[in-house]
Amino acid sequence: MDSSTIRVETKQIIADLMSEMPLNERHLIVFGVSTSEVAGKRIGTNGSEQIAKSIFDVIQTFQLQYGFHIAIQCCEHLNRALVVEQTTAQRFHLPEVWVVPVPHAGGAMASYSYGHMENPIIVEKISADAGIDIGDTFIGMHMKPVIVPVRSKLKEIGHAHVTMAKTRPKLIGGARSCYSR
């Protein structure tokens, strides 16, 4: 898989999400990534550090520009735990668990992220404001309760199906409730 194509497609996907929900330092976004699926293989069968690097570099570029916090979901062998920066865990009050993701237990993306974040730790769960799922990794368990799908101009990165979502607060109340100011 061509790294430059993966980078261009990842940039487009993240830009499309940002146009729907401008993210900043108050927000946490979860990324689930199957590098195997990006390469056109079945999830969990052909992890690629090169593909992980291409995607991570783009995520990090957006993160540095906009200030949002990222969480990278591990595979099911680590119960979909997440790699986050220690500062993110502190900011969002996320308790740390101990494991080190490796390509065959955590996935190539989580393993790469763990090795390239400034001070990575692992947490079991989060309540993200938005998410990007590359390769049908099922990130919904890590999002706030009211999930709203976001459509992109692209449906895939490489060969991997991509879905995105943002969240919104729950609407509460009854007939007299007002939802705008």
N, C-alpha and C. Protein backbone atom coordinates (compact mmCIF):
# COMPACT_ATOMS: atom_id res chain seq x y z
N MET A 1 0.85 -1.19 0.00
CA MET A 1 0.00 0.00 0.00
C MET A 1 0.89 1.24 0.00
N ASP A 2 0.60 2.18 -0.84
CA ASP A 2 1.38 3.41 -1.00
C ASP A 2 1.16 4.36 0.18
N SER A 3 2.27 4.71 0.87
CA SER A 3 2.19 5.57 2.05
C SER A 3 1.61 6.93 1.75
N SER A 4 1.96 7.51 0.61
CA SER A 4 1.45 8.85 0.30
C SER A 4 -0.06 8.83 0.08
N THR A 5 -0.57 7.78 -0.53
CA THR A 5 -2.03 7.66 -0.72
C THR A 5 -2.73 7.52 0.62
N ILE A 6 -2.16 6.71 1.50
CA ILE A 6 -2.75 6.53 2.84
C ILE A 6 -2.77 7.86 3.58
N ARG A 7 -1.72 8.64 3.49
CA ARG A 7 -1.65 9.93 4.16
C ARG A 7 -2.71 10.90 3.60
N VAL A 8 -2.81 10.96 2.29
CA VAL A 8 -3.80 11.86 1.66
C VAL A 8 -5.21 11.47 2.07
N GLU A 9 -5.52 10.18 2.04
CA GLU A 9 -6.86 9.72 2.40
C GLU A 9 -7.14 9.97 3.88
N THR A 10 -6.16 9.75 4.74
CA THR A 10 -6.34 9.99 6.17
C THR A 10 -6.57 11.48 6.43
N LYS A 11 -5.81 12.33 5.76
CA LYS A 11 -6.01 13.78 5.90
C LYS A 11 -7.43 14.17 5.52
N GLN A 12 -7.94 13.63 4.41
CA GLN A 12 -9.30 13.96 3.96
C GLN A 12 -10.34 13.51 4.98
N ILE A 13 -10.18 12.31 5.50
CA ILE A 13 -11.13 11.78 6.48
C ILE A 13 -11.16 12.66 7.73
N ILE A 14 -9.99 12.99 8.27
CA ILE A 14 -9.94 13.81 9.49
C ILE A 14 -10.47 15.21 9.21
N ALA A 15 -10.13 15.78 8.06
CA ALA A 15 -10.64 17.11 7.70
C ALA A 15 -12.16 17.11 7.61
N ASP A 16 -12.73 16.04 7.05
CA ASP A 16 -14.19 15.94 6.95
C ASP A 16 -14.83 15.88 8.34
N LEU A 17 -14.22 15.14 9.26
CA LEU A 17 -14.75 15.10 10.63
C LEU A 17 -14.63 16.48 11.27
N MET A 18 -13.49 17.13 11.10
CA MET A 18 -13.28 18.45 11.71
C MET A 18 -14.26 19.49 11.16
N SER A 19 -14.68 19.35 9.92
CA SER A 19 -15.65 20.30 9.37
C SER A 19 -17.03 20.10 9.99
N GLU A 20 -17.34 18.89 10.43
CA GLU A 20 -18.62 18.59 11.09
C GLU A 20 -18.58 18.93 12.58
N MET A 21 -17.42 18.71 13.19
CA MET A 21 -17.27 18.94 14.62
C MET A 21 -15.87 19.47 14.88
N PRO A 22 -15.72 20.78 14.92
CA PRO A 22 -14.39 21.34 15.19
C PRO A 22 -13.90 20.87 16.57
N LEU A 23 -12.80 20.15 16.58
CA LEU A 23 -12.26 19.60 17.81
C LEU A 23 -11.13 20.49 18.32
N ASN A 24 -11.04 20.61 19.66
CA ASN A 24 -9.98 21.41 20.27
C ASN A 24 -9.49 20.70 21.53
N GLU A 25 -8.77 21.43 22.37
CA GLU A 25 -8.15 20.83 23.56
C GLU A 25 -9.16 20.28 24.56
N ARG A 26 -10.42 20.61 24.44
CA ARG A 26 -11.46 20.07 25.34
C ARG A 26 -11.96 18.71 24.89
N HIS A 27 -11.58 18.27 23.69
CA HIS A 27 -12.14 17.07 23.09
C HIS A 27 -11.18 15.89 23.07
N LEU A 28 -11.78 14.71 23.12
CA LEU A 28 -11.06 13.45 23.03
C LEU A 28 -11.63 12.67 21.84
N ILE A 29 -10.74 12.23 20.95
CA ILE A 29 -11.17 11.47 19.78
C ILE A 29 -10.52 10.09 19.82
N VAL A 30 -11.32 9.06 19.54
CA VAL A 30 -10.83 7.70 19.51
C VAL A 30 -10.62 7.27 18.06
N PHE A 31 -9.50 6.58 17.84
CA PHE A 31 -9.20 6.01 16.54
C PHE A 31 -9.07 4.50 16.70
N GLY A 32 -9.85 3.78 15.91
CA GLY A 32 -9.69 2.34 15.79
C GLY A 32 -9.15 2.08 14.40
N VAL A 33 -8.03 1.37 14.30
CA VAL A 33 -7.39 1.21 13.00
C VAL A 33 -6.93 -0.23 12.81
N SER A 34 -7.39 -0.86 11.76
CA SER A 34 -6.85 -2.15 11.34
C SER A 34 -5.93 -1.90 10.15
N THR A 35 -4.63 -1.97 10.40
CA THR A 35 -3.69 -1.79 9.29
C THR A 35 -3.80 -2.96 8.31
N SER A 36 -4.22 -4.13 8.79
CA SER A 36 -4.44 -5.27 7.89
C SER A 36 -5.52 -4.94 6.87
N GLU A 37 -6.63 -4.36 7.34
CA GLU A 37 -7.73 -4.00 6.44
C GLU A 37 -7.30 -2.92 5.45
N VAL A 38 -6.50 -1.95 5.91
CA VAL A 38 -6.00 -0.92 5.01
C VAL A 38 -5.21 -1.58 3.87
N ALA A 39 -4.47 -2.62 4.20
CA ALA A 39 -3.66 -3.33 3.21
C ALA A 39 -4.48 -4.29 2.35
N GLY A 40 -5.76 -4.43 2.64
CA GLY A 40 -6.61 -5.31 1.85
C GLY A 40 -6.67 -6.74 2.37
N LYS A 41 -6.24 -6.94 3.60
CA LYS A 41 -6.27 -8.26 4.23
C LYS A 41 -7.32 -8.28 5.33
N ARG A 42 -7.62 -9.48 5.84
CA ARG A 42 -8.60 -9.62 6.91
C ARG A 42 -8.03 -9.05 8.22
N ILE A 43 -8.86 -8.36 8.97
CA ILE A 43 -8.47 -7.75 10.24
C ILE A 43 -7.69 -8.75 11.10
N GLY A 44 -6.57 -8.28 11.66
CA GLY A 44 -5.78 -9.10 12.55
C GLY A 44 -4.83 -10.08 11.89
N THR A 45 -4.68 -10.02 10.57
CA THR A 45 -3.86 -11.02 9.89
C THR A 45 -2.58 -10.49 9.27
N ASN A 46 -2.46 -9.19 9.09
CA ASN A 46 -1.32 -8.68 8.34
C ASN A 46 -0.98 -7.25 8.79
N GLY A 47 -0.77 -7.07 10.08
CA GLY A 47 -0.47 -5.75 10.62
C GLY A 47 0.76 -5.12 9.97
N SER A 48 0.74 -3.82 9.82
CA SER A 48 1.82 -3.12 9.15
C SER A 48 2.25 -1.89 9.93
N GLU A 49 3.51 -1.88 10.35
CA GLU A 49 4.05 -0.71 11.03
C GLU A 49 4.13 0.48 10.08
N GLN A 50 4.41 0.22 8.80
CA GLN A 50 4.50 1.30 7.81
C GLN A 50 3.15 2.00 7.65
N ILE A 51 2.08 1.22 7.56
CA ILE A 51 0.75 1.81 7.45
C ILE A 51 0.40 2.55 8.74
N ALA A 52 0.72 1.94 9.90
CA ALA A 52 0.47 2.60 11.18
C ALA A 52 1.19 3.94 11.24
N LYS A 53 2.43 3.98 10.81
CA LYS A 53 3.20 5.22 10.81
C LYS A 53 2.54 6.28 9.93
N SER A 54 2.11 5.89 8.74
CA SER A 54 1.48 6.84 7.82
C SER A 54 0.24 7.47 8.44
N ILE A 55 -0.60 6.66 9.06
CA ILE A 55 -1.83 7.14 9.68
C ILE A 55 -1.52 7.95 10.94
N PHE A 56 -0.63 7.45 11.78
CA PHE A 56 -0.28 8.13 13.03
C PHE A 56 0.31 9.51 12.76
N ASP A 57 1.17 9.61 11.77
CA ASP A 57 1.78 10.90 11.46
C ASP A 57 0.73 11.95 11.10
N VAL A 58 -0.30 11.55 10.35
CA VAL A 58 -1.36 12.48 9.98
C VAL A 58 -2.19 12.85 11.21
N ILE A 59 -2.54 11.86 12.02
CA ILE A 59 -3.30 12.13 13.25
C ILE A 59 -2.53 13.12 14.11
N GLN A 60 -1.25 12.88 14.29
CA GLN A 60 -0.43 13.74 15.14
C GLN A 60 -0.32 15.16 14.58
N THR A 61 -0.27 15.30 13.27
CA THR A 61 -0.23 16.63 12.65
C THR A 61 -1.49 17.42 12.99
N PHE A 62 -2.65 16.78 12.84
CA PHE A 62 -3.92 17.44 13.19
C PHE A 62 -3.98 17.73 14.69
N GLN A 63 -3.53 16.78 15.50
CA GLN A 63 -3.56 16.96 16.94
C GLN A 63 -2.73 18.18 17.35
N LEU A 64 -1.55 18.30 16.79
CA LEU A 64 -0.69 19.45 17.12
C LEU A 64 -1.32 20.76 16.67
N GLN A 65 -2.00 20.74 15.53
CA GLN A 65 -2.63 21.96 15.01
C GLN A 65 -3.85 22.38 15.82
N TYR A 66 -4.68 21.42 16.22
CA TYR A 66 -5.96 21.75 16.86
C TYR A 66 -6.00 21.50 18.36
N GLY A 67 -5.09 20.72 18.89
CA GLY A 67 -5.00 20.53 20.33
C GLY A 67 -5.87 19.44 20.92
N PHE A 68 -6.63 18.72 20.11
CA PHE A 68 -7.48 17.66 20.67
C PHE A 68 -6.62 16.51 21.20
N HIS A 69 -7.22 15.71 22.06
CA HIS A 69 -6.56 14.55 22.66
C HIS A 69 -6.93 13.31 21.84
N ILE A 70 -5.98 12.37 21.75
CA ILE A 70 -6.25 11.15 20.98
C ILE A 70 -6.16 9.91 21.85
N ALA A 71 -6.94 8.92 21.47
CA ALA A 71 -6.88 7.59 22.06
C ALA A 71 -6.84 6.60 20.90
N ILE A 72 -5.90 5.70 20.94
CA ILE A 72 -5.75 4.68 19.90
C ILE A 72 -6.20 3.35 20.48
N GLN A 73 -7.24 2.78 19.88
CA GLN A 73 -7.81 1.54 20.40
C GLN A 73 -6.95 0.33 20.05
N CYS A 74 -6.72 -0.52 21.05
CA CYS A 74 -6.04 -1.79 20.83
C CYS A 74 -7.04 -2.81 20.27
N CYS A 75 -6.54 -3.94 19.83
CA CYS A 75 -7.42 -4.99 19.30
C CYS A 75 -8.08 -5.75 20.45
N GLU A 76 -8.92 -6.72 20.09
CA GLU A 76 -9.69 -7.44 21.11
C GLU A 76 -8.83 -8.29 22.02
N HIS A 77 -7.58 -8.62 21.63
CA HIS A 77 -6.70 -9.40 22.49
C HIS A 77 -6.33 -8.64 23.76
N LEU A 78 -6.46 -7.31 23.70
CA LEU A 78 -6.25 -6.48 24.89
C LEU A 78 -7.57 -5.83 25.31
N ASN A 79 -8.67 -6.49 24.97
CA ASN A 79 -10.01 -6.04 25.35
C ASN A 79 -10.31 -4.61 24.89
N ARG A 80 -9.75 -4.23 23.75
CA ARG A 80 -9.94 -2.91 23.16
C ARG A 80 -9.54 -1.76 24.11
N ALA A 81 -8.52 -2.03 24.94
CA ALA A 81 -7.95 -0.97 25.77
C ALA A 81 -7.42 0.12 24.84
N LEU A 82 -6.97 1.22 25.40
CA LEU A 82 -6.59 2.37 24.58
C LEU A 82 -5.24 2.94 24.98
N VAL A 83 -4.50 3.38 23.98
CA VAL A 83 -3.23 4.06 24.20
C VAL A 83 -3.52 5.56 24.22
N VAL A 84 -3.12 6.22 25.29
CA VAL A 84 -3.30 7.67 25.41
C VAL A 84 -2.02 8.25 26.02
N GLU A 85 -1.86 9.54 25.86
CA GLU A 85 -0.78 10.23 26.57
C GLU A 85 -1.15 10.32 28.04
N GLN A 86 -0.15 10.32 28.89
CA GLN A 86 -0.40 10.43 30.33
C GLN A 86 -1.15 11.73 30.64
N THR A 87 -0.84 12.82 29.93
CA THR A 87 -1.54 14.09 30.15
C THR A 87 -3.02 13.97 29.80
N THR A 88 -3.34 13.15 28.79
CA THR A 88 -4.74 12.92 28.42
C THR A 88 -5.46 12.17 29.55
N ALA A 89 -4.81 11.16 30.08
CA ALA A 89 -5.40 10.39 31.18
C ALA A 89 -5.66 11.29 32.39
N GLN A 90 -4.72 12.18 32.68
CA GLN A 90 -4.91 13.10 33.79
C GLN A 90 -6.04 14.08 33.52
N ARG A 91 -6.09 14.63 32.32
CA ARG A 91 -7.11 15.62 31.93
C ARG A 91 -8.52 15.05 32.03
N PHE A 92 -8.68 13.78 31.62
CA PHE A 92 -10.01 13.16 31.57
C PHE A 92 -10.24 12.16 32.70
N HIS A 93 -9.34 12.13 33.69
CA HIS A 93 -9.48 11.26 34.87
C HIS A 93 -9.63 9.80 34.48
N LEU A 94 -8.70 9.30 33.68
CA LEU A 94 -8.74 7.92 33.18
C LEU A 94 -7.75 7.07 33.97
N PRO A 95 -8.22 6.03 34.66
CA PRO A 95 -7.29 5.18 35.42
C PRO A 95 -6.43 4.32 34.49
N GLU A 96 -5.16 4.25 34.82
CA GLU A 96 -4.19 3.48 34.02
C GLU A 96 -4.28 1.99 34.34
N VAL A 97 -4.07 1.17 33.32
CA VAL A 97 -3.90 -0.28 33.49
C VAL A 97 -2.53 -0.61 32.92
N TRP A 98 -2.02 -1.79 33.22
CA TRP A 98 -0.67 -2.11 32.79
C TRP A 98 -0.64 -3.23 31.76
N VAL A 99 -0.20 -2.88 30.58
CA VAL A 99 0.10 -3.81 29.50
C VAL A 99 0.85 -3.00 28.45
N VAL A 100 1.65 -3.65 27.67
CA VAL A 100 2.34 -2.99 26.57
C VAL A 100 1.83 -3.61 25.28
N PRO A 101 1.17 -2.82 24.42
CA PRO A 101 0.67 -3.39 23.17
C PRO A 101 1.82 -3.74 22.23
N VAL A 102 1.70 -4.89 21.61
CA VAL A 102 2.65 -5.35 20.59
C VAL A 102 1.83 -5.71 19.36
N PRO A 103 2.46 -5.85 18.21
CA PRO A 103 1.67 -6.07 16.98
C PRO A 103 0.65 -7.21 17.05
N HIS A 104 0.98 -8.32 17.73
CA HIS A 104 0.05 -9.46 17.75
C HIS A 104 -0.80 -9.52 19.03
N ALA A 105 -0.68 -8.52 19.87
CA ALA A 105 -1.54 -8.40 21.05
C ALA A 105 -1.68 -6.91 21.33
N GLY A 106 -2.59 -6.31 20.63
CA GLY A 106 -2.81 -4.87 20.71
C GLY A 106 -3.00 -4.30 19.32
N GLY A 107 -2.27 -4.85 18.36
CA GLY A 107 -2.39 -4.41 16.97
C GLY A 107 -1.25 -3.49 16.58
N ALA A 108 -0.97 -3.43 15.30
CA ALA A 108 0.14 -2.63 14.77
C ALA A 108 -0.04 -1.14 15.09
N MET A 109 -1.26 -0.64 14.98
CA MET A 109 -1.50 0.79 15.21
C MET A 109 -1.27 1.15 16.67
N ALA A 110 -1.81 0.35 17.59
CA ALA A 110 -1.62 0.62 19.01
C ALA A 110 -0.15 0.46 19.40
N SER A 111 0.48 -0.57 18.88
CA SER A 111 1.89 -0.81 19.16
C SER A 111 2.75 0.35 18.66
N TYR A 112 2.50 0.79 17.44
CA TYR A 112 3.25 1.91 16.88
C TYR A 112 3.02 3.18 17.70
N SER A 113 1.77 3.45 18.02
CA SER A 113 1.43 4.65 18.79
C SER A 113 2.12 4.64 20.15
N TYR A 114 2.08 3.50 20.81
CA TYR A 114 2.71 3.36 22.12
C TYR A 114 4.21 3.68 22.04
N GLY A 115 4.82 3.27 20.96
CA GLY A 115 6.25 3.51 20.78
C GLY A 115 6.60 4.91 20.32
N HIS A 116 5.59 5.69 19.89
CA HIS A 116 5.88 7.00 19.32
C HIS A 116 5.17 8.17 20.00
N MET A 117 4.38 7.89 21.03
CA MET A 117 3.83 8.98 21.82
C MET A 117 4.88 9.44 22.82
N GLU A 118 4.70 10.64 23.35
CA GLU A 118 5.67 11.21 24.28
C GLU A 118 5.74 10.44 25.59
N ASN A 119 4.58 10.18 26.21
CA ASN A 119 4.51 9.47 27.48
C ASN A 119 3.24 8.63 27.50
N PRO A 120 3.23 7.53 26.75
CA PRO A 120 2.00 6.75 26.60
C PRO A 120 1.68 5.88 27.81
N ILE A 121 0.39 5.74 28.06
CA ILE A 121 -0.10 4.78 29.03
C ILE A 121 -1.32 4.09 28.42
N ILE A 122 -1.78 3.06 29.09
CA ILE A 122 -2.95 2.31 28.62
C ILE A 122 -4.09 2.51 29.61
N VAL A 123 -5.28 2.74 29.07
CA VAL A 123 -6.49 2.85 29.87
C VAL A 123 -7.52 1.87 29.31
N GLU A 124 -8.48 1.48 30.15
CA GLU A 124 -9.47 0.49 29.73
C GLU A 124 -10.64 1.07 28.97
N LYS A 125 -11.05 2.28 29.35
CA LYS A 125 -12.23 2.84 28.69
C LYS A 125 -12.18 4.35 28.73
N ILE A 126 -12.89 4.94 27.79
CA ILE A 126 -13.00 6.39 27.69
C ILE A 126 -14.42 6.72 27.25
N SER A 127 -14.72 8.00 27.23
CA SER A 127 -15.97 8.51 26.67
C SER A 127 -15.59 9.61 25.68
N ALA A 128 -15.30 9.19 24.47
CA ALA A 128 -14.79 10.12 23.45
C ALA A 128 -15.90 11.00 22.88
N ASP A 129 -15.48 12.17 22.43
CA ASP A 129 -16.38 13.12 21.80
C ASP A 129 -16.61 12.81 20.32
N ALA A 130 -15.64 12.12 19.71
CA ALA A 130 -15.71 11.79 18.29
C ALA A 130 -14.85 10.55 18.05
N GLY A 131 -15.03 9.96 16.89
CA GLY A 131 -14.23 8.78 16.59
C GLY A 131 -14.14 8.50 15.11
N ILE A 132 -13.04 7.87 14.75
CA ILE A 132 -12.82 7.41 13.38
C ILE A 132 -12.44 5.94 13.46
N ASP A 133 -13.22 5.13 12.75
CA ASP A 133 -13.02 3.68 12.73
C ASP A 133 -12.56 3.28 11.33
N ILE A 134 -11.32 2.83 11.25
CA ILE A 134 -10.72 2.45 9.97
C ILE A 134 -10.58 0.93 9.97
N GLY A 135 -11.45 0.26 9.23
CA GLY A 135 -11.37 -1.20 9.14
C GLY A 135 -12.34 -1.94 10.03
N ASP A 136 -13.43 -1.29 10.42
CA ASP A 136 -14.49 -1.93 11.21
C ASP A 136 -13.97 -2.55 12.51
N THR A 137 -13.31 -1.72 13.31
CA THR A 137 -12.75 -2.17 14.58
C THR A 137 -13.71 -1.99 15.75
N PHE A 138 -14.84 -1.34 15.51
CA PHE A 138 -15.90 -1.15 16.50
C PHE A 138 -15.48 -0.30 17.70
N ILE A 139 -15.48 1.00 17.49
CA ILE A 139 -15.06 1.96 18.51
C ILE A 139 -16.22 2.47 19.37
N GLY A 140 -17.44 2.10 19.04
CA GLY A 140 -18.61 2.66 19.71
C GLY A 140 -18.61 2.53 21.22
N MET A 141 -17.99 1.48 21.74
CA MET A 141 -17.95 1.28 23.19
C MET A 141 -17.16 2.36 23.90
N HIS A 142 -16.38 3.15 23.15
CA HIS A 142 -15.55 4.18 23.74
C HIS A 142 -16.05 5.59 23.46
N MET A 143 -17.32 5.71 23.09
CA MET A 143 -17.86 7.03 22.78
C MET A 143 -18.97 7.41 23.75
N LYS A 144 -19.19 8.71 23.88
CA LYS A 144 -20.29 9.20 24.72
C LYS A 144 -21.61 8.66 24.19
N PRO A 145 -22.66 8.64 25.00
CA PRO A 145 -23.89 7.94 24.66
C PRO A 145 -24.64 8.35 23.38
N VAL A 146 -24.69 9.60 23.01
CA VAL A 146 -25.47 9.96 21.83
C VAL A 146 -24.52 10.15 20.64
N ILE A 147 -24.43 9.11 19.83
CA ILE A 147 -23.51 9.07 18.70
C ILE A 147 -24.25 9.49 17.44
N VAL A 148 -23.63 10.39 16.68
CA VAL A 148 -24.21 10.89 15.44
C VAL A 148 -23.24 10.55 14.30
N PRO A 149 -23.68 9.79 13.30
CA PRO A 149 -22.78 9.46 12.19
C PRO A 149 -22.33 10.71 11.44
N VAL A 150 -21.10 10.67 10.96
CA VAL A 150 -20.55 11.73 10.13
C VAL A 150 -20.14 11.09 8.81
N ARG A 151 -20.54 11.70 7.72
CA ARG A 151 -20.20 11.18 6.39
C ARG A 151 -18.98 11.90 5.85
N SER A 152 -18.15 11.17 5.18
CA SER A 152 -16.96 11.72 4.55
C SER A 152 -17.08 11.62 3.04
N LYS A 153 -16.27 12.41 2.35
CA LYS A 153 -16.19 12.28 0.90
C LYS A 153 -15.60 10.93 0.52
N LEU A 154 -14.78 10.37 1.41
CA LEU A 154 -14.17 9.06 1.19
C LEU A 154 -14.85 8.01 2.04
N LYS A 155 -14.92 6.81 1.53
CA LYS A 155 -15.51 5.69 2.28
C LYS A 155 -14.44 4.71 2.76
N GLU A 156 -13.20 4.90 2.26
CA GLU A 156 -12.13 3.97 2.58
C GLU A 156 -10.80 4.68 2.72
N ILE A 157 -9.93 4.09 3.53
CA ILE A 157 -8.51 4.42 3.52
C ILE A 157 -7.84 3.13 3.07
N GLY A 158 -7.14 3.20 1.95
CA GLY A 158 -6.63 1.98 1.36
C GLY A 158 -7.82 1.11 1.00
N HIS A 159 -7.82 -0.11 1.53
CA HIS A 159 -8.94 -1.03 1.29
C HIS A 159 -9.89 -1.11 2.48
N ALA A 160 -9.64 -0.33 3.52
CA ALA A 160 -10.40 -0.43 4.77
C ALA A 160 -11.62 0.49 4.76
N HIS A 161 -12.75 -0.06 5.10
CA HIS A 161 -13.98 0.70 5.27
C HIS A 161 -13.82 1.68 6.43
N VAL A 162 -14.27 2.92 6.25
CA VAL A 162 -14.14 3.94 7.28
C VAL A 162 -15.51 4.46 7.69
N THR A 163 -15.72 4.53 9.00
CA THR A 163 -16.90 5.19 9.54
C THR A 163 -16.43 6.22 10.56
N MET A 164 -17.23 7.27 10.71
CA MET A 164 -16.90 8.33 11.67
C MET A 164 -18.15 8.71 12.43
N ALA A 165 -17.91 9.28 13.60
CA ALA A 165 -19.04 9.74 14.40
C ALA A 165 -18.61 10.88 15.29
N LYS A 166 -19.59 11.70 15.61
CA LYS A 166 -19.42 12.72 16.63
C LYS A 166 -20.47 12.43 17.69
N THR A 167 -20.41 13.12 18.79
CA THR A 167 -21.41 12.93 19.83
C THR A 167 -22.07 14.26 20.14
N ARG A 168 -23.20 14.17 20.78
CA ARG A 168 -23.89 15.37 21.25
C ARG A 168 -24.47 15.05 22.63
N PRO A 169 -24.76 16.08 23.42
CA PRO A 169 -25.38 15.83 24.73
C PRO A 169 -26.77 15.22 24.56
N LYS A 170 -27.19 14.46 25.56
CA LYS A 170 -28.54 13.90 25.56
C LYS A 170 -29.55 15.03 25.65
N LEU A 171 -30.66 14.88 24.96
CA LEU A 171 -31.78 15.81 25.10
C LEU A 171 -32.65 15.28 26.24
N ILE A 172 -32.93 16.12 27.22
CA ILE A 172 -33.75 15.68 28.36
C ILE A 172 -34.94 16.61 28.51
N GLY A 173 -35.91 16.20 29.26
CA GLY A 173 -37.05 17.05 29.55
C GLY A 173 -38.29 16.58 28.83
N GLY A 174 -39.29 17.42 28.84
CA GLY A 174 -40.57 17.08 28.25
C GLY A 174 -41.04 18.15 27.30
N ALA A 175 -42.34 18.31 27.21
CA ALA A 175 -42.96 19.21 26.24
C ALA A 175 -42.53 20.66 26.41
N ARG A 176 -42.21 21.07 27.60
CA ARG A 176 -41.82 22.46 27.84
C ARG A 176 -40.31 22.72 27.67
N SER A 177 -39.57 21.69 27.39
CA SER A 177 -38.11 21.81 27.27
C SER A 177 -37.73 22.59 26.01
N CYS A 178 -36.65 23.32 26.12
CA CYS A 178 -36.11 24.09 25.01
C CYS A 178 -34.69 23.60 24.77
N TYR A 179 -34.30 23.42 23.50
CA TYR A 179 -32.98 22.87 23.19
C TYR A 179 -32.05 23.85 22.49
N SER A 180 -32.45 25.10 22.36
CA SER A 180 -31.54 26.10 21.81
C SER A 180 -31.64 27.35 22.66
N ARG A 181 -30.60 28.15 22.64
CA ARG A 181 -30.56 29.36 23.47
C ARG A 181 -30.96 30.55 22.69
